[in-house]
N, C-alpha and C. Protein backbone atom coordinates (compact mmCIF):
# COMPACT_ATOMS: atom_id res chain seq x y z
N MET A 1 24.59 -103.99 -11.83
CA MET A 1 24.90 -105.34 -11.36
C MET A 1 25.22 -105.34 -9.88
N ARG A 2 26.02 -104.31 -9.44
CA ARG A 2 26.35 -104.19 -8.01
C ARG A 2 25.10 -103.94 -7.19
N GLN A 3 24.20 -103.09 -7.79
CA GLN A 3 22.96 -102.78 -7.07
C GLN A 3 22.11 -104.03 -6.91
N SER A 4 22.08 -104.82 -7.93
CA SER A 4 21.32 -106.07 -7.86
C SER A 4 21.89 -107.00 -6.81
N TYR A 5 23.24 -107.08 -6.69
CA TYR A 5 23.88 -107.94 -5.71
C TYR A 5 23.59 -107.48 -4.28
N GLU A 6 23.64 -106.14 -4.07
CA GLU A 6 23.36 -105.58 -2.75
C GLU A 6 21.91 -105.83 -2.34
N SER A 7 21.01 -105.69 -3.31
CA SER A 7 19.59 -105.92 -3.00
C SER A 7 19.35 -107.37 -2.63
N GLN A 8 20.11 -108.31 -3.27
CA GLN A 8 19.96 -109.72 -2.92
C GLN A 8 20.45 -109.99 -1.50
N ARG A 9 21.56 -109.31 -1.10
CA ARG A 9 22.08 -109.46 0.26
C ARG A 9 21.06 -108.95 1.27
N GLU A 10 20.41 -107.81 0.94
CA GLU A 10 19.41 -107.25 1.84
C GLU A 10 18.21 -108.18 1.98
N GLU A 11 17.88 -108.86 0.86
CA GLU A 11 16.74 -109.76 0.91
C GLU A 11 17.03 -110.99 1.76
N ARG A 12 18.30 -111.40 1.85
CA ARG A 12 18.66 -112.58 2.63
C ARG A 12 18.69 -112.28 4.12
N ARG A 13 19.01 -111.01 4.50
CA ARG A 13 19.19 -110.69 5.91
C ARG A 13 17.95 -110.93 6.77
N PRO A 14 16.76 -110.52 6.32
CA PRO A 14 15.58 -110.81 7.16
C PRO A 14 15.41 -112.29 7.42
N GLY A 15 15.73 -113.10 6.42
CA GLY A 15 15.60 -114.53 6.60
C GLY A 15 16.50 -115.03 7.72
N ARG A 16 17.71 -114.47 7.79
CA ARG A 16 18.63 -114.90 8.84
C ARG A 16 18.12 -114.50 10.21
N PHE A 17 17.55 -113.31 10.31
CA PHE A 17 17.00 -112.86 11.60
C PHE A 17 15.80 -113.69 12.00
N ILE A 18 15.02 -114.05 10.99
CA ILE A 18 13.85 -114.90 11.28
C ILE A 18 14.32 -116.24 11.81
N GLY A 19 15.36 -116.78 11.22
CA GLY A 19 15.90 -118.05 11.70
C GLY A 19 16.35 -117.95 13.14
N ARG A 20 16.99 -116.82 13.49
CA ARG A 20 17.43 -116.64 14.87
C ARG A 20 16.26 -116.53 15.83
N GLU A 21 15.22 -115.85 15.37
CA GLU A 21 14.04 -115.72 16.21
C GLU A 21 13.41 -117.09 16.50
N LYS A 22 13.48 -117.99 15.55
CA LYS A 22 12.91 -119.32 15.74
C LYS A 22 13.68 -120.12 16.79
N LEU A 23 14.95 -119.77 17.00
CA LEU A 23 15.76 -120.49 17.97
C LEU A 23 15.52 -120.02 19.39
N GLN A 24 14.83 -118.88 19.55
CA GLN A 24 14.55 -118.36 20.89
C GLN A 24 13.60 -119.29 21.62
N ILE A 25 13.81 -119.44 22.95
CA ILE A 25 12.98 -120.32 23.79
C ILE A 25 11.79 -119.55 24.32
N ASP A 26 10.65 -120.11 24.18
CA ASP A 26 9.44 -119.50 24.72
C ASP A 26 9.36 -119.74 26.21
N THR A 27 9.62 -118.71 27.01
CA THR A 27 9.64 -118.87 28.47
C THR A 27 8.25 -118.99 29.07
N ASN A 28 7.23 -118.79 28.25
CA ASN A 28 5.87 -118.91 28.76
C ASN A 28 5.28 -120.30 28.52
N SER A 29 6.05 -121.20 27.92
CA SER A 29 5.53 -122.53 27.60
C SER A 29 5.50 -123.40 28.86
N PRO A 30 4.57 -124.39 28.94
CA PRO A 30 4.52 -125.33 30.08
C PRO A 30 5.81 -126.11 30.25
N ALA A 31 6.46 -126.47 29.12
CA ALA A 31 7.71 -127.21 29.21
C ALA A 31 8.77 -126.41 29.95
N MET A 32 8.79 -125.09 29.68
CA MET A 32 9.76 -124.23 30.35
C MET A 32 9.46 -124.17 31.84
N ASP A 33 8.17 -124.15 32.21
CA ASP A 33 7.79 -124.13 33.63
C ASP A 33 8.33 -125.37 34.33
N VAL A 34 8.21 -126.53 33.69
CA VAL A 34 8.69 -127.78 34.29
C VAL A 34 10.19 -127.73 34.47
N ARG A 35 10.90 -127.22 33.43
CA ARG A 35 12.36 -127.13 33.53
C ARG A 35 12.79 -126.20 34.65
N LEU A 36 12.08 -125.11 34.82
CA LEU A 36 12.42 -124.17 35.89
C LEU A 36 12.22 -124.80 37.27
N VAL A 37 11.15 -125.58 37.42
CA VAL A 37 10.91 -126.26 38.69
C VAL A 37 12.01 -127.26 38.99
N VAL A 38 12.41 -128.03 37.96
CA VAL A 38 13.48 -129.01 38.15
C VAL A 38 14.78 -128.33 38.54
N VAL A 39 15.12 -127.25 37.84
CA VAL A 39 16.35 -126.52 38.15
C VAL A 39 16.30 -125.95 39.55
N PHE A 40 15.17 -125.38 39.94
CA PHE A 40 15.04 -124.81 41.28
C PHE A 40 15.20 -125.88 42.35
N THR A 41 14.62 -127.07 42.12
CA THR A 41 14.73 -128.17 43.08
C THR A 41 16.17 -128.62 43.23
N LEU A 42 16.87 -128.74 42.08
CA LEU A 42 18.27 -129.15 42.13
C LEU A 42 19.13 -128.14 42.87
N VAL A 43 18.86 -126.86 42.64
CA VAL A 43 19.61 -125.82 43.35
C VAL A 43 19.33 -125.88 44.84
N LEU A 44 18.06 -126.10 45.21
CA LEU A 44 17.68 -126.18 46.62
C LEU A 44 18.38 -127.34 47.31
N VAL A 45 18.42 -128.49 46.64
CA VAL A 45 19.10 -129.66 47.21
C VAL A 45 20.59 -129.41 47.33
N ALA A 46 21.16 -128.75 46.31
CA ALA A 46 22.60 -128.48 46.33
C ALA A 46 22.98 -127.53 47.46
N VAL A 47 22.11 -126.55 47.72
CA VAL A 47 22.40 -125.55 48.75
C VAL A 47 22.16 -126.11 50.15
N THR A 48 21.02 -126.77 50.34
CA THR A 48 20.67 -127.25 51.68
C THR A 48 21.20 -128.63 51.97
N GLY A 49 21.46 -129.40 50.89
CA GLY A 49 21.91 -130.78 51.10
C GLY A 49 20.77 -131.72 51.43
N LEU A 50 19.51 -131.23 51.35
CA LEU A 50 18.36 -132.05 51.72
C LEU A 50 17.31 -132.00 50.63
N PRO A 51 16.71 -133.16 50.27
CA PRO A 51 15.59 -133.15 49.35
C PRO A 51 14.33 -132.70 50.06
N HIS A 52 13.26 -132.58 49.31
CA HIS A 52 11.99 -132.18 49.92
C HIS A 52 11.57 -133.20 50.98
N GLN A 53 11.28 -132.73 52.16
CA GLN A 53 10.98 -133.62 53.28
C GLN A 53 9.56 -134.14 53.19
N ARG A 54 9.39 -135.45 53.34
CA ARG A 54 8.07 -136.05 53.28
C ARG A 54 7.37 -135.93 54.61
N ARG A 55 6.07 -135.80 54.55
CA ARG A 55 5.28 -135.67 55.78
C ARG A 55 5.00 -137.04 56.38
N CYS A 56 4.89 -137.07 57.70
CA CYS A 56 4.61 -138.32 58.41
C CYS A 56 3.20 -138.80 58.07
N PRO A 57 3.06 -140.02 57.52
CA PRO A 57 1.75 -140.53 57.11
C PRO A 57 1.00 -141.24 58.24
N MET A 58 1.11 -140.72 59.47
CA MET A 58 0.51 -141.38 60.62
C MET A 58 -1.01 -141.52 60.50
N SER A 59 -1.65 -140.55 59.83
CA SER A 59 -3.11 -140.53 59.79
C SER A 59 -3.70 -141.78 59.15
N ARG A 60 -2.94 -142.45 58.27
CA ARG A 60 -3.50 -143.64 57.61
C ARG A 60 -3.65 -144.81 58.58
N TYR A 61 -3.09 -144.68 59.79
CA TYR A 61 -3.18 -145.75 60.78
C TYR A 61 -4.16 -145.41 61.90
N GLN A 62 -5.04 -144.44 61.63
CA GLN A 62 -6.08 -144.13 62.62
C GLN A 62 -6.91 -145.36 62.94
N SER A 63 -7.14 -146.17 61.93
CA SER A 63 -7.79 -147.46 62.14
C SER A 63 -7.13 -148.47 61.20
N VAL A 64 -6.74 -149.61 61.74
CA VAL A 64 -6.06 -150.62 60.94
C VAL A 64 -7.07 -151.28 60.01
N SER A 65 -6.66 -151.48 58.78
CA SER A 65 -7.54 -152.10 57.79
C SER A 65 -7.98 -153.49 58.25
N SER A 66 -9.27 -153.76 58.13
CA SER A 66 -9.78 -155.09 58.49
C SER A 66 -9.19 -156.17 57.60
N ALA A 67 -8.89 -155.83 56.35
CA ALA A 67 -8.27 -156.79 55.43
C ALA A 67 -6.86 -157.14 55.92
N ASP A 68 -6.12 -156.13 56.41
CA ASP A 68 -4.78 -156.40 56.95
C ASP A 68 -4.85 -157.28 58.19
N ILE A 69 -5.82 -157.00 59.03
CA ILE A 69 -5.98 -157.80 60.25
C ILE A 69 -6.28 -159.25 59.90
N ARG A 70 -7.12 -159.47 58.87
CA ARG A 70 -7.46 -160.83 58.45
C ARG A 70 -6.22 -161.58 57.96
N VAL A 71 -5.41 -160.90 57.15
CA VAL A 71 -4.20 -161.53 56.61
C VAL A 71 -3.25 -161.92 57.73
N ILE A 72 -3.02 -161.02 58.68
CA ILE A 72 -2.08 -161.28 59.76
C ILE A 72 -2.64 -162.30 60.74
N ARG A 73 -3.93 -162.23 60.99
CA ARG A 73 -4.53 -163.21 61.91
C ARG A 73 -4.46 -164.62 61.33
N GLN A 74 -4.67 -164.73 60.03
CA GLN A 74 -4.57 -166.04 59.38
C GLN A 74 -3.15 -166.59 59.49
N LEU A 75 -2.16 -165.72 59.30
CA LEU A 75 -0.77 -166.14 59.44
C LEU A 75 -0.48 -166.60 60.86
N GLN A 76 -0.96 -165.84 61.83
CA GLN A 76 -0.73 -166.19 63.22
C GLN A 76 -1.45 -167.49 63.59
N ASN A 77 -2.67 -167.65 63.09
CA ASN A 77 -3.42 -168.88 63.38
C ASN A 77 -2.75 -170.11 62.76
N GLU A 78 -2.22 -169.96 61.55
CA GLU A 78 -1.52 -171.08 60.90
C GLU A 78 -0.30 -171.49 61.72
N HIS A 79 0.37 -170.52 62.24
CA HIS A 79 1.56 -170.84 63.04
C HIS A 79 1.18 -171.52 64.35
N GLU A 80 0.08 -171.08 64.95
CA GLU A 80 -0.33 -171.63 66.24
C GLU A 80 -0.76 -173.09 66.14
N LYS A 81 -1.14 -173.55 64.94
CA LYS A 81 -1.55 -174.95 64.78
C LYS A 81 -0.42 -175.91 65.13
N ASP A 82 0.79 -175.54 64.76
CA ASP A 82 1.95 -176.42 64.99
C ASP A 82 2.84 -175.90 66.11
N MET A 83 2.28 -175.02 66.92
CA MET A 83 3.09 -174.39 67.96
C MET A 83 3.25 -175.31 69.17
N SER A 84 4.45 -175.37 69.69
CA SER A 84 4.72 -176.18 70.88
C SER A 84 4.37 -175.38 72.13
N THR A 85 4.31 -176.09 73.25
CA THR A 85 3.99 -175.41 74.51
C THR A 85 5.10 -174.43 74.92
N SER A 86 6.30 -174.66 74.43
CA SER A 86 7.41 -173.77 74.78
C SER A 86 7.31 -172.42 74.04
N ALA A 87 6.47 -172.36 73.00
CA ALA A 87 6.33 -171.12 72.25
C ALA A 87 5.76 -170.01 73.12
N ILE A 88 4.77 -170.35 73.94
CA ILE A 88 4.20 -169.36 74.85
C ILE A 88 5.25 -168.85 75.82
N LYS A 89 6.08 -169.75 76.28
CA LYS A 89 7.15 -169.36 77.20
C LYS A 89 8.13 -168.41 76.52
N CYS A 90 8.44 -168.69 75.25
CA CYS A 90 9.34 -167.81 74.50
C CYS A 90 8.75 -166.41 74.36
N TYR A 91 7.46 -166.37 74.05
CA TYR A 91 6.79 -165.08 73.88
C TYR A 91 6.80 -164.30 75.20
N ARG A 92 6.48 -164.97 76.29
CA ARG A 92 6.45 -164.29 77.59
C ARG A 92 7.84 -163.82 78.00
N ASN A 93 8.85 -164.62 77.68
CA ASN A 93 10.21 -164.20 78.01
C ASN A 93 10.62 -162.95 77.24
N MET A 94 10.25 -162.90 75.96
CA MET A 94 10.60 -161.74 75.15
C MET A 94 9.88 -160.49 75.62
N MET A 95 8.61 -160.64 76.00
CA MET A 95 7.78 -159.49 76.35
C MET A 95 7.89 -159.10 77.83
N ARG A 96 8.62 -159.85 78.61
CA ARG A 96 8.75 -159.53 80.02
C ARG A 96 9.34 -158.13 80.21
N HIS A 97 8.71 -157.38 81.09
CA HIS A 97 9.14 -156.01 81.43
C HIS A 97 8.94 -155.01 80.31
N LYS A 98 8.29 -155.43 79.21
CA LYS A 98 8.03 -154.46 78.14
C LYS A 98 7.04 -153.41 78.61
N PRO A 99 7.39 -152.14 78.51
CA PRO A 99 6.44 -151.10 78.93
C PRO A 99 5.30 -150.96 77.93
N SER A 100 4.16 -150.50 78.40
CA SER A 100 3.06 -150.24 77.48
C SER A 100 3.40 -149.05 76.60
N VAL A 101 3.14 -149.21 75.31
CA VAL A 101 3.45 -148.12 74.37
C VAL A 101 2.67 -146.86 74.74
N CYS A 102 1.45 -147.03 75.23
CA CYS A 102 0.62 -145.88 75.58
C CYS A 102 1.22 -145.07 76.73
N ASP A 103 2.04 -145.69 77.56
CA ASP A 103 2.62 -145.00 78.71
C ASP A 103 3.94 -144.31 78.38
N LEU A 104 4.43 -144.48 77.18
CA LEU A 104 5.72 -143.91 76.80
C LEU A 104 5.56 -142.52 76.17
N MET A 105 6.64 -141.77 76.18
CA MET A 105 6.65 -140.49 75.48
C MET A 105 6.67 -140.75 73.98
N PRO A 106 6.22 -139.79 73.16
CA PRO A 106 6.10 -140.01 71.71
C PRO A 106 7.35 -140.56 71.04
N SER A 107 8.52 -140.06 71.39
CA SER A 107 9.75 -140.55 70.75
C SER A 107 10.00 -142.02 71.08
N ASP A 108 9.73 -142.40 72.33
CA ASP A 108 9.93 -143.81 72.73
C ASP A 108 8.93 -144.73 72.06
N ARG A 109 7.72 -144.25 71.85
CA ARG A 109 6.71 -145.07 71.16
C ARG A 109 7.20 -145.45 69.77
N LEU A 110 7.71 -144.47 69.06
CA LEU A 110 8.17 -144.71 67.71
C LEU A 110 9.39 -145.63 67.69
N ILE A 111 10.31 -145.42 68.61
CA ILE A 111 11.51 -146.26 68.70
C ILE A 111 11.13 -147.71 68.98
N LEU A 112 10.24 -147.92 69.93
CA LEU A 112 9.85 -149.28 70.30
C LEU A 112 9.13 -150.00 69.16
N ILE A 113 8.16 -149.32 68.54
CA ILE A 113 7.40 -149.97 67.46
C ILE A 113 8.32 -150.25 66.27
N LEU A 114 9.20 -149.32 65.95
CA LEU A 114 10.12 -149.53 64.84
C LEU A 114 11.03 -150.73 65.10
N GLU A 115 11.45 -150.89 66.34
CA GLU A 115 12.29 -152.04 66.70
C GLU A 115 11.51 -153.35 66.53
N ARG A 116 10.27 -153.37 67.00
CA ARG A 116 9.47 -154.60 66.91
C ARG A 116 9.08 -154.92 65.47
N VAL A 117 8.74 -153.91 64.70
CA VAL A 117 8.37 -154.13 63.30
C VAL A 117 9.57 -154.62 62.49
N SER A 118 10.74 -154.04 62.73
CA SER A 118 11.95 -154.47 62.04
C SER A 118 12.29 -155.92 62.38
N GLN A 119 12.14 -156.27 63.65
CA GLN A 119 12.39 -157.64 64.08
C GLN A 119 11.38 -158.59 63.44
N THR A 120 10.14 -158.18 63.36
CA THR A 120 9.10 -158.99 62.73
C THR A 120 9.41 -159.25 61.26
N LEU A 121 9.84 -158.20 60.56
CA LEU A 121 10.18 -158.37 59.15
C LEU A 121 11.35 -159.33 58.96
N ASP A 122 12.33 -159.25 59.83
CA ASP A 122 13.47 -160.18 59.74
C ASP A 122 13.00 -161.63 59.85
N VAL A 123 12.11 -161.88 60.80
CA VAL A 123 11.61 -163.24 61.01
C VAL A 123 10.74 -163.69 59.83
N LEU A 124 9.85 -162.82 59.36
CA LEU A 124 8.97 -163.19 58.25
C LEU A 124 9.76 -163.45 56.97
N GLN A 125 10.77 -162.63 56.71
CA GLN A 125 11.58 -162.83 55.51
C GLN A 125 12.39 -164.12 55.59
N SER A 126 12.91 -164.40 56.78
CA SER A 126 13.65 -165.64 56.98
C SER A 126 12.74 -166.85 56.80
N LYS A 127 11.54 -166.76 57.34
CA LYS A 127 10.57 -167.85 57.23
C LYS A 127 10.12 -168.03 55.78
N SER A 128 9.97 -166.93 55.06
CA SER A 128 9.54 -166.99 53.67
C SER A 128 10.60 -167.63 52.77
N THR A 129 11.86 -167.25 52.98
CA THR A 129 12.94 -167.80 52.16
C THR A 129 13.22 -169.27 52.47
N SER A 130 12.75 -169.72 53.63
CA SER A 130 12.97 -171.13 53.98
C SER A 130 11.95 -172.05 53.32
N GLY A 131 10.99 -171.45 52.60
CA GLY A 131 10.01 -172.25 51.88
C GLY A 131 8.68 -172.39 52.59
N ALA A 132 8.49 -171.66 53.68
CA ALA A 132 7.21 -171.73 54.40
C ALA A 132 6.09 -171.16 53.53
N THR A 133 4.98 -171.86 53.50
CA THR A 133 3.87 -171.45 52.64
C THR A 133 2.90 -170.52 53.35
N ASP A 134 3.00 -170.42 54.70
CA ASP A 134 2.03 -169.61 55.42
C ASP A 134 2.37 -168.11 55.38
N VAL A 135 3.61 -167.77 55.00
CA VAL A 135 4.00 -166.37 54.89
C VAL A 135 3.81 -165.93 53.45
N GLY A 136 2.69 -165.26 53.19
CA GLY A 136 2.42 -164.79 51.84
C GLY A 136 2.97 -163.41 51.60
N PRO A 137 2.95 -162.96 50.36
CA PRO A 137 3.47 -161.62 50.04
C PRO A 137 2.70 -160.50 50.72
N GLN A 138 1.40 -160.75 51.02
CA GLN A 138 0.59 -159.70 51.64
C GLN A 138 1.09 -159.36 53.04
N SER A 139 1.39 -160.38 53.83
CA SER A 139 1.85 -160.12 55.19
C SER A 139 3.19 -159.39 55.19
N LEU A 140 4.08 -159.77 54.28
CA LEU A 140 5.35 -159.06 54.16
C LEU A 140 5.13 -157.61 53.74
N MET A 141 4.22 -157.40 52.80
CA MET A 141 3.96 -156.06 52.30
C MET A 141 3.38 -155.16 53.40
N ILE A 142 2.52 -155.72 54.24
CA ILE A 142 1.91 -154.94 55.33
C ILE A 142 2.99 -154.40 56.28
N PHE A 143 3.90 -155.27 56.68
CA PHE A 143 4.93 -154.83 57.63
C PHE A 143 6.03 -154.01 56.95
N HIS A 144 6.27 -154.27 55.68
CA HIS A 144 7.22 -153.42 54.94
C HIS A 144 6.69 -151.99 54.87
N LYS A 145 5.42 -151.86 54.53
CA LYS A 145 4.82 -150.53 54.43
C LYS A 145 4.82 -149.83 55.78
N LEU A 146 4.50 -150.57 56.83
CA LEU A 146 4.48 -149.99 58.16
C LEU A 146 5.87 -149.50 58.55
N ARG A 147 6.89 -150.30 58.29
CA ARG A 147 8.25 -149.88 58.64
C ARG A 147 8.67 -148.65 57.84
N ASP A 148 8.33 -148.63 56.54
CA ASP A 148 8.69 -147.47 55.72
C ASP A 148 8.02 -146.20 56.25
N ASP A 149 6.75 -146.31 56.63
CA ASP A 149 6.04 -145.15 57.16
C ASP A 149 6.60 -144.71 58.50
N LEU A 150 6.98 -145.66 59.32
CA LEU A 150 7.59 -145.31 60.61
C LEU A 150 8.92 -144.58 60.40
N MET A 151 9.69 -145.01 59.41
CA MET A 151 10.96 -144.35 59.11
C MET A 151 10.73 -142.93 58.62
N ILE A 152 9.71 -142.73 57.80
CA ILE A 152 9.38 -141.38 57.34
C ILE A 152 9.01 -140.49 58.51
N CYS A 153 8.21 -141.03 59.43
CA CYS A 153 7.79 -140.25 60.60
C CYS A 153 8.99 -139.93 61.50
N LYS A 154 9.89 -140.88 61.60
CA LYS A 154 11.08 -140.66 62.43
C LYS A 154 11.94 -139.55 61.84
N GLU A 155 12.11 -139.55 60.52
CA GLU A 155 12.95 -138.55 59.87
C GLU A 155 12.27 -137.19 59.85
N SER A 156 10.97 -137.16 59.60
CA SER A 156 10.27 -135.88 59.46
C SER A 156 10.08 -135.17 60.80
N THR A 157 10.04 -135.92 61.88
CA THR A 157 9.85 -135.31 63.20
C THR A 157 11.16 -135.10 63.95
N GLY A 158 12.25 -135.61 63.39
CA GLY A 158 13.55 -135.41 64.03
C GLY A 158 13.68 -136.07 65.38
N ILE A 159 13.07 -137.24 65.53
CA ILE A 159 13.09 -137.95 66.81
C ILE A 159 14.49 -138.47 67.12
N SER A 160 14.85 -138.41 68.36
CA SER A 160 16.17 -138.85 68.79
C SER A 160 16.32 -140.36 68.61
N GLU A 161 17.54 -140.77 68.29
CA GLU A 161 17.83 -142.19 68.15
C GLU A 161 17.95 -142.87 69.51
N THR A 162 18.14 -142.08 70.54
CA THR A 162 18.41 -142.63 71.87
C THR A 162 17.12 -142.79 72.66
N PRO A 163 16.81 -143.99 73.14
CA PRO A 163 15.61 -144.18 73.97
C PRO A 163 15.80 -143.55 75.35
N SER A 164 14.69 -143.27 75.99
CA SER A 164 14.75 -142.69 77.33
C SER A 164 15.15 -143.76 78.35
N GLU A 165 15.37 -143.31 79.57
CA GLU A 165 15.73 -144.24 80.64
C GLU A 165 14.60 -145.22 80.95
N GLU A 166 13.39 -144.83 80.59
CA GLU A 166 12.23 -145.72 80.82
C GLU A 166 12.22 -146.89 79.84
N LEU A 167 12.59 -146.64 78.59
CA LEU A 167 12.54 -147.67 77.56
C LEU A 167 13.86 -148.44 77.44
N LYS A 168 14.94 -147.78 77.74
CA LYS A 168 16.26 -148.37 77.52
C LYS A 168 16.45 -149.74 78.18
N PRO A 169 16.01 -149.96 79.42
CA PRO A 169 16.23 -151.27 80.05
C PRO A 169 15.57 -152.43 79.29
N TRP A 170 14.44 -152.17 78.64
CA TRP A 170 13.80 -153.26 77.90
C TRP A 170 14.51 -153.52 76.57
N LEU A 171 14.88 -152.45 75.87
CA LEU A 171 15.58 -152.63 74.60
C LEU A 171 16.99 -153.19 74.81
N HIS A 172 17.68 -152.60 75.74
CA HIS A 172 19.06 -152.99 76.05
C HIS A 172 19.19 -152.98 77.59
N PRO A 173 19.36 -154.09 78.21
CA PRO A 173 19.83 -155.33 77.59
C PRO A 173 18.77 -156.40 77.36
N HIS A 174 17.51 -156.22 77.87
CA HIS A 174 16.58 -157.35 77.88
C HIS A 174 16.31 -157.93 76.49
N LEU A 175 15.82 -157.11 75.55
CA LEU A 175 15.46 -157.64 74.23
C LEU A 175 16.69 -158.16 73.49
N GLN A 176 17.76 -157.41 73.55
CA GLN A 176 18.98 -157.84 72.88
C GLN A 176 19.51 -159.14 73.48
N HIS A 177 19.42 -159.25 74.79
CA HIS A 177 19.86 -160.46 75.49
C HIS A 177 19.00 -161.66 75.07
N PHE A 178 17.68 -161.44 74.95
CA PHE A 178 16.78 -162.51 74.53
C PHE A 178 17.12 -162.97 73.11
N LYS A 179 17.35 -162.04 72.19
CA LYS A 179 17.65 -162.39 70.80
C LYS A 179 18.98 -163.13 70.68
N ASP A 180 19.91 -162.77 71.53
CA ASP A 180 21.23 -163.42 71.48
C ASP A 180 21.17 -164.86 71.98
N LEU A 181 20.30 -165.13 72.98
CA LEU A 181 20.28 -166.44 73.62
C LEU A 181 19.21 -167.38 73.07
N ALA A 182 18.13 -166.83 72.55
CA ALA A 182 17.02 -167.68 72.08
C ALA A 182 17.40 -168.43 70.82
N SER A 183 16.86 -169.64 70.68
CA SER A 183 17.05 -170.40 69.45
C SER A 183 16.26 -169.74 68.32
N PRO A 184 16.61 -170.00 67.06
CA PRO A 184 15.83 -169.44 65.94
C PRO A 184 14.35 -169.78 66.02
N GLN A 185 14.01 -170.99 66.46
CA GLN A 185 12.61 -171.38 66.57
C GLN A 185 11.91 -170.61 67.69
N CYS A 186 12.60 -170.44 68.81
CA CYS A 186 12.03 -169.69 69.94
C CYS A 186 11.78 -168.24 69.54
N LEU A 187 12.75 -167.64 68.86
CA LEU A 187 12.58 -166.25 68.42
C LEU A 187 11.43 -166.12 67.43
N GLN A 188 11.33 -167.08 66.52
CA GLN A 188 10.24 -167.06 65.54
C GLN A 188 8.89 -167.19 66.24
N ASP A 189 8.78 -168.11 67.17
CA ASP A 189 7.52 -168.28 67.91
C ASP A 189 7.13 -167.00 68.64
N ALA A 190 8.10 -166.40 69.30
CA ALA A 190 7.82 -165.20 70.09
C ALA A 190 7.35 -164.05 69.20
N VAL A 191 7.99 -163.90 68.07
CA VAL A 191 7.63 -162.81 67.17
C VAL A 191 6.26 -163.03 66.53
N LEU A 192 6.00 -164.26 66.06
CA LEU A 192 4.75 -164.53 65.36
C LEU A 192 3.54 -164.46 66.29
N LEU A 193 3.75 -164.70 67.56
CA LEU A 193 2.64 -164.57 68.52
C LEU A 193 2.32 -163.11 68.83
N GLY A 194 3.20 -162.21 68.43
CA GLY A 194 2.97 -160.79 68.73
C GLY A 194 2.56 -159.96 67.54
N LEU A 195 2.16 -160.60 66.43
CA LEU A 195 1.82 -159.84 65.22
C LEU A 195 0.59 -158.94 65.42
N ILE A 196 -0.48 -159.52 65.92
CA ILE A 196 -1.72 -158.75 66.11
C ILE A 196 -1.53 -157.66 67.17
N PRO A 197 -0.89 -157.95 68.31
CA PRO A 197 -0.66 -156.87 69.29
C PRO A 197 0.11 -155.68 68.72
N ILE A 198 1.04 -155.93 67.81
CA ILE A 198 1.77 -154.81 67.21
C ILE A 198 0.82 -153.92 66.41
N LEU A 199 0.01 -154.56 65.54
CA LEU A 199 -0.87 -153.78 64.66
C LEU A 199 -1.99 -153.08 65.42
N VAL A 200 -2.53 -153.74 66.44
CA VAL A 200 -3.71 -153.20 67.12
C VAL A 200 -3.32 -152.34 68.32
N GLU A 201 -2.51 -152.88 69.22
CA GLU A 201 -2.20 -152.18 70.47
C GLU A 201 -1.09 -151.15 70.30
N ASP A 202 0.06 -151.60 69.81
CA ASP A 202 1.20 -150.69 69.73
C ASP A 202 0.98 -149.55 68.75
N VAL A 203 0.55 -149.89 67.54
CA VAL A 203 0.28 -148.84 66.54
C VAL A 203 -0.85 -147.94 66.99
N GLY A 204 -1.88 -148.52 67.62
CA GLY A 204 -2.99 -147.70 68.12
C GLY A 204 -2.53 -146.70 69.16
N CYS A 205 -1.66 -147.11 70.08
CA CYS A 205 -1.15 -146.19 71.10
C CYS A 205 -0.27 -145.12 70.47
N TRP A 206 0.50 -145.50 69.47
CA TRP A 206 1.36 -144.53 68.80
C TRP A 206 0.53 -143.45 68.11
N VAL A 207 -0.51 -143.85 67.40
CA VAL A 207 -1.32 -142.90 66.64
C VAL A 207 -2.18 -142.02 67.56
N HIS A 208 -2.90 -142.64 68.46
CA HIS A 208 -3.87 -141.90 69.27
C HIS A 208 -3.24 -141.24 70.48
N GLY A 209 -2.01 -141.60 70.78
CA GLY A 209 -1.36 -140.99 71.94
C GLY A 209 -0.51 -139.80 71.60
N GLN A 210 -0.39 -139.48 70.29
CA GLN A 210 0.45 -138.36 69.88
C GLN A 210 -0.16 -137.03 70.29
């Protein structure tokens, strides 16, 4: 009887070991590979304090999309239909003493375009929320994407936040002074008249002048 009981215990033991073997993780499985990558990424971020750095997507602006140009030109043309004669004066006042982007050093080019694109988005969003029908989602999306890409390029290249002595006089105090004193309508007119120059001239100088 004792022998029979011992033999039953021996018969159960392999089953227990088999159960343990089933609990082992297969390190060669694709799922394990994914988990290892995730763990490695988290450790890298924890150690360096930085996520994987994105590359500057400047190459996509080698030539501006003709569809984007059509959308922005239509917006600009719609605005010009109801534009007063003082709108041209507002635009000229804002752009007075603005240096050519092509003549600036690479860091200043990015700073200047980012400032103008951010200002443009502020005006377009304000105009859109006021119920204007000429500002469609496409025009907002174009400038949103441009600003996001400019920010990526600024972060990935480590460009200084401080403009050079060549650009500084136009940004501060001229542009800031203009924004502080101009009426909302004057600022809107000045910005909307500069949409195409930003996409064609400024972005073109930034891309091809690098």
